[in-house]
Amino acid sequence: MKPVDIPVLLTRIEPSRNMARFYALSVEPTLFAGLVVHRIWGRLWARGRSHLVFSTIFWRPRRTSRNLQPANSSTVIL
């Protein structure tokens, strides 16, 4: 799975309530092969708040026991 290259940006504008908000979400790689989810939210045309959620999951192919055993037990792989 690849990190998302383009962040997701959502806006909510309600003139009747004098409300203008934004929400942004992006998945970015870290220096040590992990991932970080970067969330930003706040009022439009303002700096907003930010929060980082670090993931300890390392993205590498999984090896299962099914991949290591032959399909037929009588078959010998040399």
C-alpha atoms as a PDB file:
ATOM      1  CA  MET A   1       0.000   0.000   0.000  1.00  0.00           C
ATOM      2  CA  LYS A   2       1.399   3.390  -0.984  1.00  0.00           C
ATOM      3  CA  PRO A   3       0.940   6.560   1.033  1.00  0.00           C
ATOM      4  CA  VAL A   4      -1.585   9.002  -0.395  1.00  0.00           C
ATOM      5  CA  ASP A   5       0.162  11.613  -2.558  1.00  0.00           C
ATOM      6  CA  ILE A   6      -2.663  14.158  -2.514  1.00  0.00           C
ATOM      7  CA  PRO A   7      -4.205  15.186   0.825  1.00  0.00           C
ATOM      8  CA  VAL A   8      -7.967  14.960   1.268  1.00  0.00           C
ATOM      9  CA  LEU A   9      -9.445  18.432   1.756  1.00  0.00           C
ATOM     10  CA  LEU A  10     -13.009  18.989   2.967  1.00  0.00           C
ATOM     11  CA  THR A  11     -14.731  22.316   3.480  1.00  0.00           C
ATOM     12  CA  ARG A  12     -17.984  23.246   5.169  1.00  0.00           C
ATOM     13  CA  ILE A  13     -19.514  26.654   4.506  1.00  0.00           C
ATOM     14  CA  GLU A  14     -22.857  27.712   6.000  1.00  0.00           C
ATOM     15  CA  PRO A  15     -23.463  31.445   5.497  1.00  0.00           C
ATOM     16  CA  SER A  16     -26.683  31.364   7.565  1.00  0.00           C
ATOM     17  CA  ARG A  17     -24.688  30.225  10.617  1.00  0.00           C
ATOM     18  CA  ASN A  18     -21.615  32.318   9.723  1.00  0.00           C
ATOM     19  CA  MET A  19     -19.579  29.109   9.586  1.00  0.00           C
ATOM     20  CA  ALA A  20     -16.612  28.323   7.332  1.00  0.00           C
ATOM     21  CA  ARG A  21     -14.498  25.321   8.322  1.00  0.00           C
ATOM     22  CA  PHE A  22     -11.899  23.092   6.681  1.00  0.00           C
ATOM     23  CA  TYR A  23     -10.580  19.605   7.356  1.00  0.00           C
ATOM     24  CA  ALA A  24      -7.469  18.099   5.731  1.00  0.00           C
ATOM     25  CA  LEU A  25      -6.090  14.572   6.016  1.00  0.00           C
ATOM     26  CA  SER A  26      -2.881  13.163   4.536  1.00  0.00           C
ATOM     27  CA  VAL A  27      -0.779  10.022   4.974  1.00  0.00           C
ATOM     28  CA  GLU A  28       2.956  10.644   4.803  1.00  0.00           C
ATOM     29  CA  PRO A  29       6.040   8.416   5.126  1.00  0.00           C
ATOM     30  CA  THR A  30       8.504   8.844   7.991  1.00  0.00           C
ATOM     31  CA  LEU A  31      12.265   8.502   7.853  1.00  0.00           C
ATOM     32  CA  PHE A  32      12.168   5.053   9.452  1.00  0.00           C
ATOM     33  CA  ALA A  33       9.794   3.261   7.045  1.00  0.00           C
ATOM     34  CA  GLY A  34       6.683   4.039   9.080  1.00  0.00           C
ATOM     35  CA  LEU A  35       3.672   6.185   8.319  1.00  0.00           C
ATOM     36  CA  VAL A  36       2.167   9.266   9.899  1.00  0.00           C
ATOM     37  CA  VAL A  37      -1.423  10.475   9.543  1.00  0.00           C
ATOM     38  CA  HIS A  38      -1.454  14.282   9.455  1.00  0.00           C
ATOM     39  CA  ARG A  39      -4.787  15.898  10.393  1.00  0.00           C
ATOM     40  CA  ILE A  40      -5.398  19.631  10.069  1.00  0.00           C
ATOM     41  CA  TRP A  41      -8.658  21.403  10.899  1.00  0.00           C
ATOM     42  CA  GLY A  42      -9.951  24.881  11.651  1.00  0.00           C
ATOM     43  CA  ARG A  43     -11.634  27.950  10.197  1.00  0.00           C
ATOM     44  CA  LEU A  44     -11.151  28.893   6.574  1.00  0.00           C
ATOM     45  CA  TRP A  45      -8.585  31.627   5.944  1.00  0.00           C
ATOM     46  CA  ALA A  46      -6.964  30.894   9.309  1.00  0.00           C
ATOM     47  CA  ARG A  47      -4.009  28.753  10.352  1.00  0.00           C
ATOM     48  CA  GLY A  48      -5.985  25.999  12.106  1.00  0.00           C
ATOM     49  CA  ARG A  49      -4.850  23.149  14.324  1.00  0.00           C
ATOM     50  CA  SER A  50      -2.742  20.131  13.477  1.00  0.00           C
ATOM     51  CA  HIS A  51      -2.320  16.638  14.896  1.00  0.00           C
ATOM     52  CA  LEU A  52       0.099  13.846  13.910  1.00  0.00           C
ATOM     53  CA  VAL A  53      -0.643  10.159  14.523  1.00  0.00           C
ATOM     54  CA  PHE A  54       2.436   7.975  14.109  1.00  0.00           C
ATOM     55  CA  SER A  55       2.045   4.374  13.000  1.00  0.00           C
ATOM     56  CA  THR A  56       4.387   1.588  14.031  1.00  0.00           C
ATOM     57  CA  ILE A  57       3.281  -0.581  11.120  1.00  0.00           C
ATOM     58  CA  PHE A  58       6.069  -1.165   8.652  1.00  0.00           C
ATOM     59  CA  TRP A  59       4.942  -1.743   5.077  1.00  0.00           C
ATOM     60  CA  ARG A  60       6.554  -4.904   3.723  1.00  0.00           C
ATOM     61  CA  PRO A  61       5.217  -7.960   1.934  1.00  0.00           C
ATOM     62  CA  ARG A  62       3.654 -10.556   4.188  1.00  0.00           C
ATOM     63  CA  ARG A  63       4.894 -14.117   4.161  1.00  0.00           C
ATOM     64  CA  THR A  64       2.364 -16.693   5.205  1.00  0.00           C
ATOM     65  CA  SER A  65       2.831 -20.374   5.865  1.00  0.00           C
ATOM     66  CA  ARG A  66       0.806 -21.045   2.706  1.00  0.00           C
ATOM     67  CA  ASN A  67       3.554 -19.371   0.642  1.00  0.00           C
ATOM     68  CA  LEU A  68       6.256 -21.509   2.257  1.00  0.00           C
ATOM     69  CA  GLN A  69       4.626 -24.953   1.856  1.00  0.00           C
ATOM     70  CA  PRO A  70       4.138 -26.817  -1.427  1.00  0.00           C
ATOM     71  CA  ALA A  71       0.563 -27.175  -2.688  1.00  0.00           C
ATOM     72  CA  ASN A  72       0.798 -30.980  -2.658  1.00  0.00           C
ATOM     73  CA  SER A  73       2.602 -32.605   0.302  1.00  0.00           C
ATOM     74  CA  SER A  74       3.990 -35.353  -1.952  1.00  0.00           C
ATOM     75  CA  THR A  75       5.657 -32.778  -4.236  1.00  0.00           C
ATOM     76  CA  VAL A  76       9.294 -32.085  -3.453  1.00  0.00           C
ATOM     77  CA  ILE A  77      10.701 -28.724  -4.452  1.00  0.00           C
ATOM     78  CA  LEU A  78      14.452 -28.646  -5.036  1.00  0.00           C
END
